[in-house]
Amino acid sequence: MSFKDFEHLMDLKGWRFKRQKGSHRLWASPGGLLLPVQPRGNRAKDYQVRQFLKQLDKDSES
């Protein structure tokens, strides 16, 4: 998945971009969970996509 598409998905699901330092971008879930993400080239890191999807699953169970 491209990093641009990943951030767009996070935004569509209600996550909000908080800040950036270097390549590290900090996103917050609607429930307040903070998830730092950074690209690998122009791609999203697989483990960060999995963390995001796992949190979406937890949020949908609540």
C-alpha atoms as a PDB file:
ATOM      1  CA  MET A   1       0.000   0.000   0.000  1.00  0.00           C
ATOM      2  CA  SER A   2       1.339   3.439  -0.780  1.00  0.00           C
ATOM      3  CA  PHE A   3       2.009   5.668   2.207  1.00  0.00           C
ATOM      4  CA  LYS A   4      -0.264   8.334   0.707  1.00  0.00           C
ATOM      5  CA  ASP A   5      -3.131   5.802   0.451  1.00  0.00           C
ATOM      6  CA  PHE A   6      -2.479   4.618   4.012  1.00  0.00           C
ATOM      7  CA  GLU A   7      -2.732   8.133   5.415  1.00  0.00           C
ATOM      8  CA  HIS A   8      -5.852   8.774   3.339  1.00  0.00           C
ATOM      9  CA  LEU A   9      -7.435   5.612   4.791  1.00  0.00           C
ATOM     10  CA  MET A  10      -6.539   6.704   8.322  1.00  0.00           C
ATOM     11  CA  ASP A  11      -8.168  10.076   7.673  1.00  0.00           C
ATOM     12  CA  LEU A  12     -11.322   8.465   6.230  1.00  0.00           C
ATOM     13  CA  LYS A  13     -11.640   6.287   9.347  1.00  0.00           C
ATOM     14  CA  GLY A  14     -11.590   9.335  11.644  1.00  0.00           C
ATOM     15  CA  TRP A  15      -7.952   9.319  12.657  1.00  0.00           C
ATOM     16  CA  ARG A  16      -6.324  12.751  12.851  1.00  0.00           C
ATOM     17  CA  PHE A  17      -2.790  13.798  12.013  1.00  0.00           C
ATOM     18  CA  LYS A  18      -1.218  15.396  15.091  1.00  0.00           C
ATOM     19  CA  ARG A  19       2.387  16.270  14.287  1.00  0.00           C
ATOM     20  CA  GLN A  20       5.551  15.331  12.449  1.00  0.00           C
ATOM     21  CA  LYS A  21       9.195  15.185  13.437  1.00  0.00           C
ATOM     22  CA  GLY A  22      11.511  14.127  10.647  1.00  0.00           C
ATOM     23  CA  SER A  23       9.878  11.244   8.797  1.00  0.00           C
ATOM     24  CA  HIS A  24       7.825  10.205  11.839  1.00  0.00           C
ATOM     25  CA  ARG A  25       4.188  11.249  11.617  1.00  0.00           C
ATOM     26  CA  LEU A  26       1.936  10.909  14.659  1.00  0.00           C
ATOM     27  CA  TRP A  27      -1.724  10.003  14.119  1.00  0.00           C
ATOM     28  CA  ALA A  28      -4.450   9.769  16.774  1.00  0.00           C
ATOM     29  CA  SER A  29      -7.458   7.467  16.682  1.00  0.00           C
ATOM     30  CA  PRO A  30     -10.934   8.758  17.554  1.00  0.00           C
ATOM     31  CA  GLY A  31     -10.454   7.035  20.932  1.00  0.00           C
ATOM     32  CA  GLY A  32      -7.128   8.773  21.575  1.00  0.00           C
ATOM     33  CA  LEU A  33      -4.650   6.001  20.696  1.00  0.00           C
ATOM     34  CA  LEU A  34      -1.466   7.456  19.209  1.00  0.00           C
ATOM     35  CA  LEU A  35       0.207   5.626  16.331  1.00  0.00           C
ATOM     36  CA  PRO A  36       3.522   6.853  14.925  1.00  0.00           C
ATOM     37  CA  VAL A  37       3.959   5.998  11.251  1.00  0.00           C
ATOM     38  CA  GLN A  38       6.742   6.573   8.772  1.00  0.00           C
ATOM     39  CA  PRO A  39       7.150   5.561   5.152  1.00  0.00           C
ATOM     40  CA  ARG A  40       9.589   3.029   3.746  1.00  0.00           C
ATOM     41  CA  GLY A  41      10.332   4.792   0.485  1.00  0.00           C
ATOM     42  CA  ASN A  42       6.863   5.680  -0.788  1.00  0.00           C
ATOM     43  CA  ARG A  43       5.225   2.615   0.807  1.00  0.00           C
ATOM     44  CA  ALA A  44       3.568   2.131   4.176  1.00  0.00           C
ATOM     45  CA  LYS A  45       5.320  -0.264   6.535  1.00  0.00           C
ATOM     46  CA  ASP A  46       3.371  -3.525   6.728  1.00  0.00           C
ATOM     47  CA  TYR A  47       3.500  -3.797  10.508  1.00  0.00           C
ATOM     48  CA  GLN A  48       2.095  -0.268  10.917  1.00  0.00           C
ATOM     49  CA  VAL A  49      -0.799  -1.054   8.566  1.00  0.00           C
ATOM     50  CA  ARG A  50      -1.484  -4.196  10.645  1.00  0.00           C
ATOM     51  CA  GLN A  51      -1.407  -2.132  13.883  1.00  0.00           C
ATOM     52  CA  PHE A  52      -3.893   0.316  12.387  1.00  0.00           C
ATOM     53  CA  LEU A  53      -6.238  -2.438  11.157  1.00  0.00           C
ATOM     54  CA  LYS A  54      -6.068  -4.199  14.533  1.00  0.00           C
ATOM     55  CA  GLN A  55      -7.085  -0.975  16.273  1.00  0.00           C
ATOM     56  CA  LEU A  56      -9.943  -0.448  13.803  1.00  0.00           C
ATOM     57  CA  ASP A  57     -11.171  -3.934  14.639  1.00  0.00           C
ATOM     58  CA  LYS A  58     -11.009  -3.219  18.381  1.00  0.00           C
ATOM     59  CA  ASP A  59     -12.831   0.104  17.906  1.00  0.00           C
ATOM     60  CA  SER A  60     -15.623  -1.569  15.925  1.00  0.00           C
ATOM     61  CA  GLU A  61     -16.162  -4.084  18.755  1.00  0.00           C
ATOM     62  CA  SER A  62     -16.776  -1.290  21.273  1.00  0.00           C
END
